[in-house]
C-alpha atoms as a PDB file:
ATOM      1  CA  MET A   1       5.000   6.738 -16.885  1.00  0.00           C
ATOM      2  CA  ASN A   2       3.222   9.944 -18.056  1.00  0.00           C
ATOM      3  CA  ILE A   3       5.383  12.736 -16.464  1.00  0.00           C
ATOM      4  CA  LYS A   4       3.300  15.492 -17.851  1.00  0.00           C
ATOM      5  CA  LEU A   5       0.256  14.116 -16.315  1.00  0.00           C
ATOM      6  CA  ILE A   6       2.009  13.761 -12.928  1.00  0.00           C
ATOM      7  CA  ASP A   7       3.236  17.416 -13.166  1.00  0.00           C
ATOM      8  CA  SER A   8      -0.156  18.642 -14.041  1.00  0.00           C
ATOM      9  CA  LEU A   9      -1.811  16.789 -11.181  1.00  0.00           C
ATOM     10  CA  ALA A  10       0.858  18.192  -8.761  1.00  0.00           C
ATOM     11  CA  HIS A  11       0.208  21.744 -10.081  1.00  0.00           C
ATOM     12  CA  ILE A  12      -3.510  21.240  -9.592  1.00  0.00           C
ATOM     13  CA  ILE A  13      -3.183  19.718  -6.024  1.00  0.00           C
ATOM     14  CA  LYS A  14      -0.817  22.702  -5.067  1.00  0.00           C
ATOM     15  CA  SER A  15      -3.523  25.169  -6.262  1.00  0.00           C
ATOM     16  CA  LEU A  16      -6.274  23.548  -3.974  1.00  0.00           C
ATOM     17  CA  THR A  17      -7.207  25.180  -0.695  1.00  0.00           C
ATOM     18  CA  LEU A  18      -6.259  23.419   2.551  1.00  0.00           C
ATOM     19  CA  GLU A  19      -9.787  22.187   2.979  1.00  0.00           C
ATOM     20  CA  GLU A  20      -9.797  20.919  -0.516  1.00  0.00           C
ATOM     21  CA  GLN A  21      -6.421  19.152  -0.043  1.00  0.00           C
ATOM     22  CA  MET A  22      -7.753  17.437   3.215  1.00  0.00           C
ATOM     23  CA  LEU A  23     -10.855  16.320   1.262  1.00  0.00           C
ATOM     24  CA  LEU A  24      -8.792  14.974  -1.570  1.00  0.00           C
ATOM     25  CA  GLU A  25      -6.433  13.174   0.881  1.00  0.00           C
ATOM     26  CA  GLU A  26      -9.438  11.475   2.607  1.00  0.00           C
ATOM     27  CA  LYS A  27     -10.931  10.436  -0.802  1.00  0.00           C
ATOM     28  CA  ILE A  28      -7.600   8.912  -1.773  1.00  0.00           C
ATOM     29  CA  LYS A  29      -7.354   6.992   1.506  1.00  0.00           C
ATOM     30  CA  THR A  30     -10.864   5.753   1.046  1.00  0.00           C
ATOM     31  CA  GLU A  31     -10.029   4.505  -2.429  1.00  0.00           C
ATOM     32  CA  ILE A  32      -6.894   2.856  -1.330  1.00  0.00           C
ATOM     33  CA  ASN A  33      -8.673   1.076   1.571  1.00  0.00           C
ATOM     34  CA  GLU A  34     -11.441  -0.096  -0.796  1.00  0.00           C
ATOM     35  CA  ASN A  35      -8.949  -1.407  -3.350  1.00  0.00           C
ATOM     36  CA  VAL A  36      -7.107  -3.390  -0.513  1.00  0.00           C
ATOM     37  CA  ARG A  37     -10.457  -4.800   0.663  1.00  0.00           C
ATOM     38  CA  LEU A  38     -11.484  -5.820  -2.800  1.00  0.00           C
ATOM     39  CA  LYS A  39      -8.083  -7.523  -3.446  1.00  0.00           C
ATOM     40  CA  SER A  40      -8.318  -9.338  -0.073  1.00  0.00           C
ATOM     41  CA  SER A  41     -11.760 -10.402  -1.015  1.00  0.00           C
ATOM     42  CA  GLU A  42     -10.539 -11.696  -4.340  1.00  0.00           C
ATOM     43  CA  VAL A  43      -7.772 -13.655  -2.600  1.00  0.00           C
ATOM     44  CA  LEU A  44     -10.274 -15.254  -0.177  1.00  0.00           C
ATOM     45  CA  ALA A  45     -12.849 -15.829  -2.900  1.00  0.00           C
ATOM     46  CA  SER A  46     -10.139 -17.652  -4.948  1.00  0.00           C
ATOM     47  CA  SER A  47      -9.236 -19.869  -2.135  1.00  0.00           C
ATOM     48  CA  ALA A  48     -12.924 -20.334  -1.212  1.00  0.00           C
ATOM     49  CA  ASN A  49     -13.588 -21.394  -4.873  1.00  0.00           C
ATOM     50  CA  ASN A  50     -10.804 -23.875  -4.770  1.00  0.00           C
ATOM     51  CA  ASN A  51     -12.280 -24.945  -1.320  1.00  0.00           C
ATOM     52  CA  ASP A  52      -8.884 -25.679  -0.120  1.00  0.00           C
ATOM     53  CA  LEU A  53      -7.485 -23.149   2.197  1.00  0.00           C
ATOM     54  CA  GLU A  54      -4.447 -25.348   2.948  1.00  0.00           C
ATOM     55  CA  GLU A  55      -3.447 -25.301  -0.747  1.00  0.00           C
ATOM     56  CA  TRP A  56      -3.587 -21.456  -0.678  1.00  0.00           C
ATOM     57  CA  THR A  57      -1.559 -21.343   2.491  1.00  0.00           C
ATOM     58  CA  ASN A  58       1.102 -23.609   0.893  1.00  0.00           C
ATOM     59  CA  LYS A  59       1.451 -21.430  -2.130  1.00  0.00           C
ATOM     60  CA  LEU A  60       1.820 -18.397  -0.018  1.00  0.00           C
ATOM     61  CA  GLN A  61       4.465 -20.162   2.088  1.00  0.00           C
ATOM     62  CA  LYS A  62       6.390 -21.160  -1.168  1.00  0.00           C
ATOM     63  CA  TRP A  63       6.067 -17.591  -2.477  1.00  0.00           C
ATOM     64  CA  SER A  64       7.593 -16.132   0.731  1.00  0.00           C
ATOM     65  CA  GLU A  65      10.506 -18.620   0.715  1.00  0.00           C
ATOM     66  CA  ARG A  66      11.485 -17.472  -2.688  1.00  0.00           C
ATOM     67  CA  HIS A  67      12.556 -14.131  -1.138  1.00  0.00           C
ATOM     68  CA  PRO A  68      16.166 -13.643   0.158  1.00  0.00           C
ATOM     69  CA  ARG A  69      16.572 -14.017   3.899  1.00  0.00           C
ATOM     70  CA  ASN A  70      19.905 -12.189   4.021  1.00  0.00           C
ATOM     71  CA  ILE A  71      18.331  -8.607   3.604  1.00  0.00           C
ATOM     72  CA  PRO A  72      19.507  -6.348   6.496  1.00  0.00           C
ATOM     73  CA  MET A  73      16.782  -5.528   8.854  1.00  0.00           C
ATOM     74  CA  LEU A  74      15.995  -1.703   9.589  1.00  0.00           C
ATOM     75  CA  SER A  75      17.059  -0.449  12.902  1.00  0.00           C
ATOM     76  CA  ASP A  76      14.598   0.590  15.578  1.00  0.00           C
ATOM     77  CA  TYR A  77      15.375   4.262  14.954  1.00  0.00           C
ATOM     78  CA  SER A  78      14.779   3.780  11.137  1.00  0.00           C
ATOM     79  CA  VAL A  79      11.192   2.656  11.723  1.00  0.00           C
ATOM     80  CA  SER A  80      10.526   5.035  14.612  1.00  0.00           C
ATOM     81  CA  ARG A  81       8.410   8.247  14.211  1.00  0.00           C
ATOM     82  CA  SER A  82      11.428  10.372  14.841  1.00  0.00           C
ATOM     83  CA  GLY A  83      13.414   8.418  12.174  1.00  0.00           C
ATOM     84  CA  ILE A  84      10.784   8.911   9.710  1.00  0.00           C
ATOM     85  CA  TYR A  85       9.659  12.499  10.345  1.00  0.00           C
ATOM     86  CA  GLU A  86      11.928  15.385  10.838  1.00  0.00           C
ATOM     87  CA  GLU A  87      11.009  17.028  14.142  1.00  0.00           C
ATOM     88  CA  ASP A  88      11.441  20.843  14.112  1.00  0.00           C
END
């Protein structure tokens, strides 16, 4: 991890005007959404290339079964807006 780069970026972002920060935030959201869309397309293309959606589904099921099931669930409050954001 490049801590100096992160610190420099944080300094630059803090120096932006509110309008510039909002524009940057929108740009980042757009890039993230595009990356998610591309990765989804790759997964679908991969399964389409194999021409076997059932095989892909089975692999996903096996992958999900490898994860522990005894992890405690979050409470309703923990995932609620008031649990995430501090209300002033």
